[in-house]
Amino acid sequence: METRVLGKTGLEVSRLGVGLAEIGGLETTGVAQAAEVLNTALDAGINFLDTAACYGNSEELIGRAIADRRDEYILATKAGHVAGGYKGEAWTAHTIRDSIDRSLERMRTDHLDIVQLHTCSVAELERGEVIEALQEARQAGKTRFIGYSGDNEAALWAIESGLFDTLQTSFNLVDQNARLYLFGPARAQGMGIIAKRPLANGVWAASQVPSSYAEDYFARAQEMKAQGPLPEAPESGILLALGFVLAHDAVDVCISGTRNPDHMAQNIAWMRHDLPISEAVVGELEQRFERLADGHDWRQLS
């Protein structure tokens, strides 16, 4: 599995990581299924796992399934939302501290590698207390690094603040603004870059909207596809989406989520045998996005 150094963290990460929101939808009795997905990933050399306090049972299932392999993976989570039955107020230092302690307990570990603020606004960032809470956790050894997960103006604020080690942001073939506006400044700050939603909810391969969550992505895909065929593109729209993201050198790791062991195995096979995709295809997708985005309000979608 290809690896990269995650910016100034110095962490060596697999370019394909696992997003764990999907696993979070399993019941706690789904530990066997979660273990199969996660062990398949680890056995293949994938070492970057990304979860969040608000991803259902995700953290608990990680702890129950693979805590015995803790030295084999880099563990990133997110904090800030009120989730999981917690009683409190979002975006306060108290909630951040409690969330981190709960994450440590649920994932059965004595430290996290990265704790990220989870899509809070510019106003909440400017208030400062959530950032200070992360810094305190880092000083206490509860996390090694701190990051921001989000998009658009808030992501740019986080980059320009110089306070964060990593940026996690939306980037895929129908959502390319990170390439245009965020990657350069983030790299200038030495930040590691984590691409979320790299498969764009599978819209390039879909004949109808996969879910209400993907309506905007699907509409963009239809407009881009209407520009004509893509010579040299892989037959699979999912492989095309994955290959597009990984063709961008600024991306250190992209996180693709699944609860299906077969889908995990397919992603691994693509990484080993079918990438990179054609540079001409990547260039054409970039040009189509830029042409269409000029006439639309195609902001990043969280």
C-alpha atoms as a PDB file:
ATOM      1  CA  MET A   1       0.000   0.000   0.000  1.00  0.00           C
ATOM      2  CA  GLU A   2       1.402   3.393  -1.033  1.00  0.00           C
ATOM      3  CA  THR A   3       2.162   5.702   1.899  1.00  0.00           C
ATOM      4  CA  ARG A   4       2.790   9.396   2.396  1.00  0.00           C
ATOM      5  CA  VAL A   5       3.998  11.618   5.218  1.00  0.00           C
ATOM      6  CA  LEU A   6       1.012  13.544   6.604  1.00  0.00           C
ATOM      7  CA  GLY A   7       2.380  17.067   6.449  1.00  0.00           C
ATOM      8  CA  LYS A   8       4.220  18.396   9.473  1.00  0.00           C
ATOM      9  CA  THR A   9       2.896  15.610  11.703  1.00  0.00           C
ATOM     10  CA  GLY A  10       5.555  13.281  10.345  1.00  0.00           C
ATOM     11  CA  LEU A  11       3.046  10.417  10.480  1.00  0.00           C
ATOM     12  CA  GLU A  12       3.405   7.907   7.644  1.00  0.00           C
ATOM     13  CA  VAL A  13      -0.095   7.201   6.372  1.00  0.00           C
ATOM     14  CA  SER A  14      -1.520   4.941   3.681  1.00  0.00           C
ATOM     15  CA  ARG A  15      -2.939   6.986   0.820  1.00  0.00           C
ATOM     16  CA  LEU A  16      -6.192   5.085   1.172  1.00  0.00           C
ATOM     17  CA  GLY A  17      -7.747   5.420   4.604  1.00  0.00           C
ATOM     18  CA  VAL A  18     -10.977   4.201   6.141  1.00  0.00           C
ATOM     19  CA  GLY A  19     -13.820   6.565   6.977  1.00  0.00           C
ATOM     20  CA  LEU A  20     -15.906   5.029   9.722  1.00  0.00           C
ATOM     21  CA  ALA A  21     -19.253   6.788   9.518  1.00  0.00           C
ATOM     22  CA  GLU A  22     -20.720   3.787   7.682  1.00  0.00           C
ATOM     23  CA  ILE A  23     -19.600   1.345  10.352  1.00  0.00           C
ATOM     24  CA  GLY A  24     -21.127   3.652  12.931  1.00  0.00           C
ATOM     25  CA  GLY A  25     -24.539   2.722  11.577  1.00  0.00           C
ATOM     26  CA  LEU A  26     -24.134  -0.861  12.753  1.00  0.00           C
ATOM     27  CA  GLU A  27     -25.601  -1.974  16.040  1.00  0.00           C
ATOM     28  CA  THR A  28     -23.105  -2.767  18.787  1.00  0.00           C
ATOM     29  CA  THR A  29     -23.842  -6.401  17.959  1.00  0.00           C
ATOM     30  CA  GLY A  30     -22.215  -5.769  14.566  1.00  0.00           C
ATOM     31  CA  VAL A  31     -18.717  -6.109  15.982  1.00  0.00           C
ATOM     32  CA  ALA A  32     -17.957  -9.185  13.835  1.00  0.00           C
ATOM     33  CA  GLN A  33     -18.830  -7.316  10.640  1.00  0.00           C
ATOM     34  CA  ALA A  34     -16.855  -4.261  11.737  1.00  0.00           C
ATOM     35  CA  ALA A  35     -13.906  -6.482  12.633  1.00  0.00           C
ATOM     36  CA  GLU A  36     -13.943  -8.109   9.178  1.00  0.00           C
ATOM     37  CA  VAL A  37     -13.907  -4.747   7.411  1.00  0.00           C
ATOM     38  CA  LEU A  38     -11.230  -3.261   9.654  1.00  0.00           C
ATOM     39  CA  ASN A  39      -8.975  -6.321   9.740  1.00  0.00           C
ATOM     40  CA  THR A  40      -9.190  -6.603   5.945  1.00  0.00           C
ATOM     41  CA  ALA A  41      -7.974  -3.005   5.739  1.00  0.00           C
ATOM     42  CA  LEU A  42      -5.180  -3.437   8.268  1.00  0.00           C
ATOM     43  CA  ASP A  43      -3.999  -6.685   6.713  1.00  0.00           C
ATOM     44  CA  ALA A  44      -3.652  -4.855   3.378  1.00  0.00           C
ATOM     45  CA  GLY A  45      -1.510  -2.092   4.859  1.00  0.00           C
ATOM     46  CA  ILE A  46      -4.205   0.566   5.307  1.00  0.00           C
ATOM     47  CA  ASN A  47      -3.262   2.337   8.519  1.00  0.00           C
ATOM     48  CA  PHE A  48      -5.379   5.512   8.678  1.00  0.00           C
ATOM     49  CA  LEU A  49      -8.744   5.287  10.433  1.00  0.00           C
ATOM     50  CA  ASP A  50     -11.023   8.305  10.691  1.00  0.00           C
ATOM     51  CA  THR A  51     -14.059   8.403  12.958  1.00  0.00           C
ATOM     52  CA  ALA A  52     -16.016  10.912  15.054  1.00  0.00           C
ATOM     53  CA  ALA A  53     -17.881  11.094  18.333  1.00  0.00           C
ATOM     54  CA  CYS A  54     -21.106  11.596  16.359  1.00  0.00           C
ATOM     55  CA  TYR A  55     -20.679   8.549  14.077  1.00  0.00           C
ATOM     56  CA  GLY A  56     -23.089   6.317  15.941  1.00  0.00           C
ATOM     57  CA  ASN A  57     -21.357   3.256  17.411  1.00  0.00           C
ATOM     58  CA  SER A  58     -18.214   3.723  15.332  1.00  0.00           C
ATOM     59  CA  GLU A  59     -15.800   4.420  18.181  1.00  0.00           C
ATOM     60  CA  GLU A  60     -17.129   1.614  20.336  1.00  0.00           C
ATOM     61  CA  LEU A  61     -16.900  -0.883  17.483  1.00  0.00           C
ATOM     62  CA  ILE A  62     -13.309   0.159  16.758  1.00  0.00           C
ATOM     63  CA  GLY A  63     -12.404  -0.496  20.373  1.00  0.00           C
ATOM     64  CA  ARG A  64     -14.131  -3.853  20.462  1.00  0.00           C
ATOM     65  CA  ALA A  65     -12.861  -5.009  17.062  1.00  0.00           C
ATOM     66  CA  ILE A  66      -9.220  -3.956  16.782  1.00  0.00           C
ATOM     67  CA  ALA A  67      -7.932  -2.468  20.042  1.00  0.00           C
ATOM     68  CA  ASP A  68      -5.473  -5.366  20.151  1.00  0.00           C
ATOM     69  CA  ARG A  69      -3.870  -4.014  16.948  1.00  0.00           C
ATOM     70  CA  ARG A  70      -3.557  -0.407  18.168  1.00  0.00           C
ATOM     71  CA  ASP A  71       0.104  -0.079  17.199  1.00  0.00           C
ATOM     72  CA  GLU A  72      -0.781  -0.826  13.557  1.00  0.00           C
ATOM     73  CA  TYR A  73      -2.997   2.176  12.823  1.00  0.00           C
ATOM     74  CA  ILE A  74      -3.185   5.946  13.066  1.00  0.00           C
ATOM     75  CA  LEU A  75      -6.401   6.913  14.809  1.00  0.00           C
ATOM     76  CA  ALA A  76      -8.171  10.174  14.024  1.00  0.00           C
ATOM     77  CA  THR A  77     -11.458  11.264  15.544  1.00  0.00           C
ATOM     78  CA  LYS A  78     -13.525  14.433  15.709  1.00  0.00           C
ATOM     79  CA  ALA A  79     -15.142  16.385  18.511  1.00  0.00           C
ATOM     80  CA  GLY A  80     -17.466  19.319  19.067  1.00  0.00           C
ATOM     81  CA  HIS A  81     -20.984  18.081  18.393  1.00  0.00           C
ATOM     82  CA  VAL A  82     -23.272  16.887  21.162  1.00  0.00           C
ATOM     83  CA  ALA A  83     -23.726  13.205  20.384  1.00  0.00           C
ATOM     84  CA  GLY A  84     -24.308   9.747  21.767  1.00  0.00           C
ATOM     85  CA  GLY A  85     -26.637  10.717  24.576  1.00  0.00           C
ATOM     86  CA  TYR A  86     -24.257  13.354  25.932  1.00  0.00           C
ATOM     87  CA  LYS A  87     -25.954  16.260  27.704  1.00  0.00           C
ATOM     88  CA  GLY A  88     -24.259  19.535  27.015  1.00  0.00           C
ATOM     89  CA  GLU A  89     -23.726  22.413  24.609  1.00  0.00           C
ATOM     90  CA  ALA A  90     -21.993  22.073  21.265  1.00  0.00           C
ATOM     91  CA  TRP A  91     -18.727  23.891  20.602  1.00  0.00           C
ATOM     92  CA  THR A  92     -17.639  24.475  24.180  1.00  0.00           C
ATOM     93  CA  ALA A  93     -14.359  23.525  25.787  1.00  0.00           C
ATOM     94  CA  HIS A  94     -16.228  21.334  28.270  1.00  0.00           C
ATOM     95  CA  THR A  95     -17.896  19.337  25.496  1.00  0.00           C
ATOM     96  CA  ILE A  96     -14.581  18.961  23.649  1.00  0.00           C
ATOM     97  CA  ARG A  97     -12.827  17.672  26.772  1.00  0.00           C
ATOM     98  CA  ASP A  98     -15.598  15.215  27.593  1.00  0.00           C
ATOM     99  CA  SER A  99     -15.746  14.026  23.988  1.00  0.00           C
ATOM    100  CA  ILE A 100     -12.012  13.287  23.912  1.00  0.00           C
ATOM    101  CA  ASP A 101     -12.168  11.365  27.188  1.00  0.00           C
ATOM    102  CA  ARG A 102     -15.128   9.365  25.926  1.00  0.00           C
ATOM    103  CA  SER A 103     -13.314   8.613  22.660  1.00  0.00           C
ATOM    104  CA  LEU A 104     -10.313   7.271  24.545  1.00  0.00           C
ATOM    105  CA  GLU A 105     -12.539   5.054  26.632  1.00  0.00           C
ATOM    106  CA  ARG A 106     -14.690   3.784  23.779  1.00  0.00           C
ATOM    107  CA  MET A 107     -11.738   3.001  21.516  1.00  0.00           C
ATOM    108  CA  ARG A 108      -9.799   1.391  24.383  1.00  0.00           C
ATOM    109  CA  THR A 109      -6.645   3.399  23.857  1.00  0.00           C
ATOM    110  CA  ASP A 110      -4.468   5.694  25.955  1.00  0.00           C
ATOM    111  CA  HIS A 111      -3.955   8.225  23.162  1.00  0.00           C
ATOM    112  CA  LEU A 112      -5.411   9.507  19.909  1.00  0.00           C
ATOM    113  CA  ASP A 113      -3.217  10.470  16.990  1.00  0.00           C
ATOM    114  CA  ILE A 114      -5.381  13.331  15.697  1.00  0.00           C
ATOM    115  CA  VAL A 115      -8.408  15.070  17.183  1.00  0.00           C
ATOM    116  CA  GLN A 116     -10.220  17.338  14.733  1.00  0.00           C
ATOM    117  CA  LEU A 117     -12.834  20.011  15.211  1.00  0.00           C
ATOM    118  CA  HIS A 118     -15.865  18.765  13.327  1.00  0.00           C
ATOM    119  CA  THR A 119     -17.170  21.416  10.906  1.00  0.00           C
ATOM    120  CA  CYS A 120     -17.584  24.288  13.335  1.00  0.00           C
ATOM    121  CA  SER A 121     -18.130  27.795  11.973  1.00  0.00           C
ATOM    122  CA  VAL A 122     -15.766  30.730  11.641  1.00  0.00           C
ATOM    123  CA  ALA A 123     -17.477  32.383  14.618  1.00  0.00           C
ATOM    124  CA  GLU A 124     -16.869  29.332  16.787  1.00  0.00           C
ATOM    125  CA  LEU A 125     -13.257  29.173  15.678  1.00  0.00           C
ATOM    126  CA  GLU A 126     -12.739  32.864  16.388  1.00  0.00           C
ATOM    127  CA  ARG A 127     -14.153  32.500  19.895  1.00  0.00           C
ATOM    128  CA  GLY A 128     -11.141  30.296  20.553  1.00  0.00           C
ATOM    129  CA  GLU A 129     -12.205  28.029  23.390  1.00  0.00           C
ATOM    130  CA  VAL A 130     -12.586  24.896  21.257  1.00  0.00           C
ATOM    131  CA  ILE A 131      -9.091  25.361  19.857  1.00  0.00           C
ATOM    132  CA  GLU A 132      -7.700  25.890  23.339  1.00  0.00           C
ATOM    133  CA  ALA A 133      -9.388  22.681  24.493  1.00  0.00           C
ATOM    134  CA  LEU A 134      -7.668  20.753  21.702  1.00  0.00           C
ATOM    135  CA  GLN A 135      -4.333  22.326  22.561  1.00  0.00           C
ATOM    136  CA  GLU A 136      -4.803  21.332  26.205  1.00  0.00           C
ATOM    137  CA  ALA A 137      -5.523  17.751  25.155  1.00  0.00           C
ATOM    138  CA  ARG A 138      -2.363  17.717  23.082  1.00  0.00           C
ATOM    139  CA  GLN A 139      -0.322  19.062  25.986  1.00  0.00           C
ATOM    140  CA  ALA A 140      -1.814  16.376  28.247  1.00  0.00           C
ATOM    141  CA  GLY A 141      -0.799  13.618  25.817  1.00  0.00           C
ATOM    142  CA  LYS A 142      -4.359  12.638  24.984  1.00  0.00           C
ATOM    143  CA  THR A 143      -3.756  13.421  21.315  1.00  0.00           C
ATOM    144  CA  ARG A 144      -0.567  13.823  19.354  1.00  0.00           C
ATOM    145  CA  PHE A 145      -1.909  16.330  16.818  1.00  0.00           C
ATOM    146  CA  ILE A 146      -4.924  18.558  16.227  1.00  0.00           C
ATOM    147  CA  GLY A 147      -6.826  19.229  13.035  1.00  0.00           C
ATOM    148  CA  TYR A 148      -9.781  20.930  11.443  1.00  0.00           C
ATOM    149  CA  SER A 149     -12.408  19.051   9.437  1.00  0.00           C
ATOM    150  CA  GLY A 150     -14.589  21.250   7.262  1.00  0.00           C
ATOM    151  CA  ASP A 151     -14.989  23.301   4.121  1.00  0.00           C
ATOM    152  CA  ASN A 152     -15.195  26.728   2.496  1.00  0.00           C
ATOM    153  CA  GLU A 153     -14.576  29.854   4.617  1.00  0.00           C
ATOM    154  CA  ALA A 154     -14.126  28.009   7.918  1.00  0.00           C
ATOM    155  CA  ALA A 155     -11.535  25.688   6.377  1.00  0.00           C
ATOM    156  CA  LEU A 156      -9.618  28.674   5.021  1.00  0.00           C
ATOM    157  CA  TRP A 157      -9.747  30.370   8.452  1.00  0.00           C
ATOM    158  CA  ALA A 158      -8.351  27.220  10.058  1.00  0.00           C
ATOM    159  CA  ILE A 159      -5.549  27.068   7.501  1.00  0.00           C
ATOM    160  CA  GLU A 160      -4.570  30.705   7.828  1.00  0.00           C
ATOM    161  CA  SER A 161      -4.620  30.578  11.633  1.00  0.00           C
ATOM    162  CA  GLY A 162      -1.542  28.345  11.630  1.00  0.00           C
ATOM    163  CA  LEU A 163      -2.954  26.529  14.672  1.00  0.00           C
ATOM    164  CA  PHE A 164      -3.771  23.159  13.138  1.00  0.00           C
ATOM    165  CA  ASP A 165      -1.630  20.239  12.004  1.00  0.00           C
ATOM    166  CA  THR A 166      -4.088  18.743   9.516  1.00  0.00           C
ATOM    167  CA  LEU A 167      -6.989  19.695   7.264  1.00  0.00           C
ATOM    168  CA  GLN A 168      -9.771  17.292   6.361  1.00  0.00           C
ATOM    169  CA  THR A 169     -11.944  18.665   3.577  1.00  0.00           C
ATOM    170  CA  SER A 170     -14.377  17.575   0.857  1.00  0.00           C
ATOM    171  CA  PHE A 171     -12.699  16.800  -2.465  1.00  0.00           C
ATOM    172  CA  ASN A 172     -13.864  14.694  -5.383  1.00  0.00           C
ATOM    173  CA  LEU A 173     -14.494  14.869  -9.112  1.00  0.00           C
ATOM    174  CA  VAL A 174     -17.713  16.924  -8.684  1.00  0.00           C
ATOM    175  CA  ASP A 175     -16.478  18.978  -5.706  1.00  0.00           C
ATOM    176  CA  GLN A 176     -13.102  20.454  -6.637  1.00  0.00           C
ATOM    177  CA  ASN A 177     -12.964  23.795  -4.844  1.00  0.00           C
ATOM    178  CA  ALA A 178     -10.446  22.464  -2.341  1.00  0.00           C
ATOM    179  CA  ARG A 179      -8.016  22.045  -5.227  1.00  0.00           C
ATOM    180  CA  LEU A 180      -8.620  25.616  -6.338  1.00  0.00           C
ATOM    181  CA  TYR A 181      -8.683  27.440  -3.001  1.00  0.00           C
ATOM    182  CA  LEU A 182      -7.472  25.336  -0.059  1.00  0.00           C
ATOM    183  CA  PHE A 183      -4.701  22.927  -1.016  1.00  0.00           C
ATOM    184  CA  GLY A 184      -2.115  25.592  -1.810  1.00  0.00           C
ATOM    185  CA  PRO A 185      -2.516  27.578   1.432  1.00  0.00           C
ATOM    186  CA  ALA A 186      -2.685  24.373   3.486  1.00  0.00           C
ATOM    187  CA  ARG A 187       0.504  23.065   1.955  1.00  0.00           C
ATOM    188  CA  ALA A 188       2.187  26.413   2.608  1.00  0.00           C
ATOM    189  CA  GLN A 189       1.384  25.923   6.308  1.00  0.00           C
ATOM    190  CA  GLY A 190       2.788  22.388   6.257  1.00  0.00           C
ATOM    191  CA  MET A 191      -0.598  20.857   6.993  1.00  0.00           C
ATOM    192  CA  GLY A 192      -1.376  17.251   6.210  1.00  0.00           C
ATOM    193  CA  ILE A 193      -4.364  16.999   3.838  1.00  0.00           C
ATOM    194  CA  ILE A 194      -7.112  14.412   4.266  1.00  0.00           C
ATOM    195  CA  ALA A 195      -9.721  14.182   1.488  1.00  0.00           C
ATOM    196  CA  LYS A 196     -13.214  13.258   2.644  1.00  0.00           C
ATOM    197  CA  ARG A 197     -16.110  12.157   0.405  1.00  0.00           C
ATOM    198  CA  PRO A 198     -13.664  11.055  -2.340  1.00  0.00           C
ATOM    199  CA  LEU A 199     -16.237   8.836  -4.073  1.00  0.00           C
ATOM    200  CA  ALA A 200     -18.856  11.618  -4.175  1.00  0.00           C
ATOM    201  CA  ASN A 201     -21.488   9.198  -2.853  1.00  0.00           C
ATOM    202  CA  GLY A 202     -21.044   7.136  -6.008  1.00  0.00           C
ATOM    203  CA  VAL A 203     -22.919   9.628  -8.186  1.00  0.00           C
ATOM    204  CA  TRP A 204     -20.740   9.226 -11.278  1.00  0.00           C
ATOM    205  CA  ALA A 205     -21.728   5.563 -11.456  1.00  0.00           C
ATOM    206  CA  ALA A 206     -25.400   6.179 -10.568  1.00  0.00           C
ATOM    207  CA  SER A 207     -28.359   6.392 -12.964  1.00  0.00           C
ATOM    208  CA  GLN A 208     -30.508   8.076 -10.310  1.00  0.00           C
ATOM    209  CA  VAL A 209     -29.921   9.970  -7.088  1.00  0.00           C
ATOM    210  CA  PRO A 210     -28.425   7.458  -4.606  1.00  0.00           C
ATOM    211  CA  SER A 211     -29.867   9.297  -1.608  1.00  0.00           C
ATOM    212  CA  SER A 212     -31.250  12.702  -0.651  1.00  0.00           C
ATOM    213  CA  TYR A 213     -27.817  13.447   0.817  1.00  0.00           C
ATOM    214  CA  ALA A 214     -26.322  13.185  -2.694  1.00  0.00           C
ATOM    215  CA  GLU A 215     -28.790  15.289  -4.693  1.00  0.00           C
ATOM    216  CA  ASP A 216     -26.414  18.192  -5.331  1.00  0.00           C
ATOM    217  CA  TYR A 217     -23.538  15.896  -6.216  1.00  0.00           C
ATOM    218  CA  PHE A 218     -25.743  13.924  -8.615  1.00  0.00           C
ATOM    219  CA  ALA A 219     -26.886  17.109 -10.383  1.00  0.00           C
ATOM    220  CA  ARG A 220     -23.285  18.223 -10.831  1.00  0.00           C
ATOM    221  CA  ALA A 221     -22.291  14.807 -12.181  1.00  0.00           C
ATOM    222  CA  GLN A 222     -25.075  14.909 -14.745  1.00  0.00           C
ATOM    223  CA  GLU A 223     -23.930  18.304 -16.009  1.00  0.00           C
ATOM    224  CA  MET A 224     -20.304  17.230 -16.202  1.00  0.00           C
ATOM    225  CA  LYS A 225     -21.159  13.970 -17.968  1.00  0.00           C
ATOM    226  CA  ALA A 226     -23.269  15.868 -20.497  1.00  0.00           C
ATOM    227  CA  GLN A 227     -20.062  17.506 -21.750  1.00  0.00           C
ATOM    228  CA  GLY A 228     -19.290  14.296 -23.617  1.00  0.00           C
ATOM    229  CA  PRO A 229     -17.520  10.954 -23.198  1.00  0.00           C
ATOM    230  CA  LEU A 230     -14.269  10.591 -21.306  1.00  0.00           C
ATOM    231  CA  PRO A 231     -11.793   8.655 -23.468  1.00  0.00           C
ATOM    232  CA  GLU A 232      -9.464   6.411 -21.432  1.00  0.00           C
ATOM    233  CA  ALA A 233     -11.709   6.615 -18.360  1.00  0.00           C
ATOM    234  CA  PRO A 234     -12.040   3.381 -16.384  1.00  0.00           C
ATOM    235  CA  GLU A 235     -15.326   1.553 -16.842  1.00  0.00           C
ATOM    236  CA  SER A 236     -16.141   1.808 -13.155  1.00  0.00           C
ATOM    237  CA  GLY A 237     -17.363   5.232 -12.035  1.00  0.00           C
ATOM    238  CA  ILE A 238     -16.223   4.420  -8.503  1.00  0.00           C
ATOM    239  CA  LEU A 239     -12.687   3.662  -9.694  1.00  0.00           C
ATOM    240  CA  LEU A 240     -12.755   6.889 -11.722  1.00  0.00           C
ATOM    241  CA  ALA A 241     -13.687   8.875  -8.616  1.00  0.00           C
ATOM    242  CA  LEU A 242     -11.023   7.233  -6.458  1.00  0.00           C
ATOM    243  CA  GLY A 243      -8.380   7.639  -9.135  1.00  0.00           C
ATOM    244  CA  PHE A 244      -9.240  11.303  -9.640  1.00  0.00           C
ATOM    245  CA  VAL A 245      -8.665  12.155  -5.974  1.00  0.00           C
ATOM    246  CA  LEU A 246      -5.454  10.159  -5.676  1.00  0.00           C
ATOM    247  CA  ALA A 247      -4.075  11.774  -8.843  1.00  0.00           C
ATOM    248  CA  HIS A 248      -3.649  14.987  -6.846  1.00  0.00           C
ATOM    249  CA  ASP A 249      -0.308  15.129  -5.100  1.00  0.00           C
ATOM    250  CA  ALA A 250      -1.590  17.549  -2.461  1.00  0.00           C
ATOM    251  CA  VAL A 251      -3.824  14.806  -1.029  1.00  0.00           C
ATOM    252  CA  ASP A 252      -1.954  12.740   1.529  1.00  0.00           C
ATOM    253  CA  VAL A 253      -4.777  10.346   2.332  1.00  0.00           C
ATOM    254  CA  CYS A 254      -8.352   9.943   1.135  1.00  0.00           C
ATOM    255  CA  ILE A 255     -10.885   8.257   3.387  1.00  0.00           C
ATOM    256  CA  SER A 256     -13.442   5.932   1.859  1.00  0.00           C
ATOM    257  CA  GLY A 257     -16.067   4.419   4.097  1.00  0.00           C
ATOM    258  CA  THR A 258     -17.895   1.109   3.890  1.00  0.00           C
ATOM    259  CA  ARG A 259     -19.420  -1.491   6.155  1.00  0.00           C
ATOM    260  CA  ASN A 260     -19.172  -4.122   3.403  1.00  0.00           C
ATOM    261  CA  PRO A 261     -16.042  -6.338   3.504  1.00  0.00           C
ATOM    262  CA  ASP A 262     -16.321  -7.015  -0.244  1.00  0.00           C
ATOM    263  CA  HIS A 263     -16.311  -3.304  -1.017  1.00  0.00           C
ATOM    264  CA  MET A 264     -13.220  -2.890   1.149  1.00  0.00           C
ATOM    265  CA  ALA A 265     -11.495  -5.717  -0.719  1.00  0.00           C
ATOM    266  CA  GLN A 266     -12.426  -4.117  -4.057  1.00  0.00           C
ATOM    267  CA  ASN A 267     -10.957  -0.752  -3.008  1.00  0.00           C
ATOM    268  CA  ILE A 268      -7.745  -2.501  -2.013  1.00  0.00           C
ATOM    269  CA  ALA A 269      -7.581  -4.368  -5.323  1.00  0.00           C
ATOM    270  CA  TRP A 270      -8.019  -1.113  -7.245  1.00  0.00           C
ATOM    271  CA  MET A 271      -5.209   0.491  -5.264  1.00  0.00           C
ATOM    272  CA  ARG A 272      -2.907  -2.408  -6.108  1.00  0.00           C
ATOM    273  CA  HIS A 273      -3.734  -3.013  -9.760  1.00  0.00           C
ATOM    274  CA  ASP A 274      -5.692  -0.188 -11.422  1.00  0.00           C
ATOM    275  CA  LEU A 275      -4.191   3.124 -10.365  1.00  0.00           C
ATOM    276  CA  PRO A 276      -3.165   5.673 -11.450  1.00  0.00           C
ATOM    277  CA  ILE A 277      -5.824   6.577 -13.982  1.00  0.00           C
ATOM    278  CA  SER A 278      -5.066   8.533 -17.147  1.00  0.00           C
ATOM    279  CA  GLU A 279      -3.694  12.043 -16.670  1.00  0.00           C
ATOM    280  CA  ALA A 280      -5.776  13.131 -19.655  1.00  0.00           C
ATOM    281  CA  VAL A 281      -8.964  12.028 -17.894  1.00  0.00           C
ATOM    282  CA  VAL A 282      -7.976  13.882 -14.733  1.00  0.00           C
ATOM    283  CA  GLY A 283      -7.249  17.030 -16.731  1.00  0.00           C
ATOM    284  CA  GLU A 284     -10.559  16.837 -18.586  1.00  0.00           C
ATOM    285  CA  LEU A 285     -12.510  16.453 -15.322  1.00  0.00           C
ATOM    286  CA  GLU A 286     -10.727  19.480 -13.917  1.00  0.00           C
ATOM    287  CA  GLN A 287     -11.567  21.563 -16.984  1.00  0.00           C
ATOM    288  CA  ARG A 288     -15.212  20.521 -16.979  1.00  0.00           C
ATOM    289  CA  PHE A 289     -15.612  21.415 -13.331  1.00  0.00           C
ATOM    290  CA  GLU A 290     -14.021  24.821 -13.793  1.00  0.00           C
ATOM    291  CA  ARG A 291     -16.114  25.646 -16.861  1.00  0.00           C
ATOM    292  CA  LEU A 292     -19.382  24.710 -15.161  1.00  0.00           C
ATOM    293  CA  ALA A 293     -18.506  26.099 -11.733  1.00  0.00           C
ATOM    294  CA  ASP A 294     -18.056  29.540 -13.295  1.00  0.00           C
ATOM    295  CA  GLY A 295     -21.800  29.692 -13.921  1.00  0.00           C
ATOM    296  CA  HIS A 296     -22.943  27.955 -10.741  1.00  0.00           C
ATOM    297  CA  ASP A 297     -22.557  28.389  -7.020  1.00  0.00           C
ATOM    298  CA  TRP A 298     -20.626  25.139  -6.707  1.00  0.00           C
ATOM    299  CA  ARG A 299     -19.288  25.538  -3.188  1.00  0.00           C
ATOM    300  CA  GLN A 300     -17.881  22.650  -1.211  1.00  0.00           C
ATOM    301  CA  LEU A 301     -20.565  20.369   0.191  1.00  0.00           C
ATOM    302  CA  SER A 302     -20.029  19.113   3.733  1.00  0.00           C
END
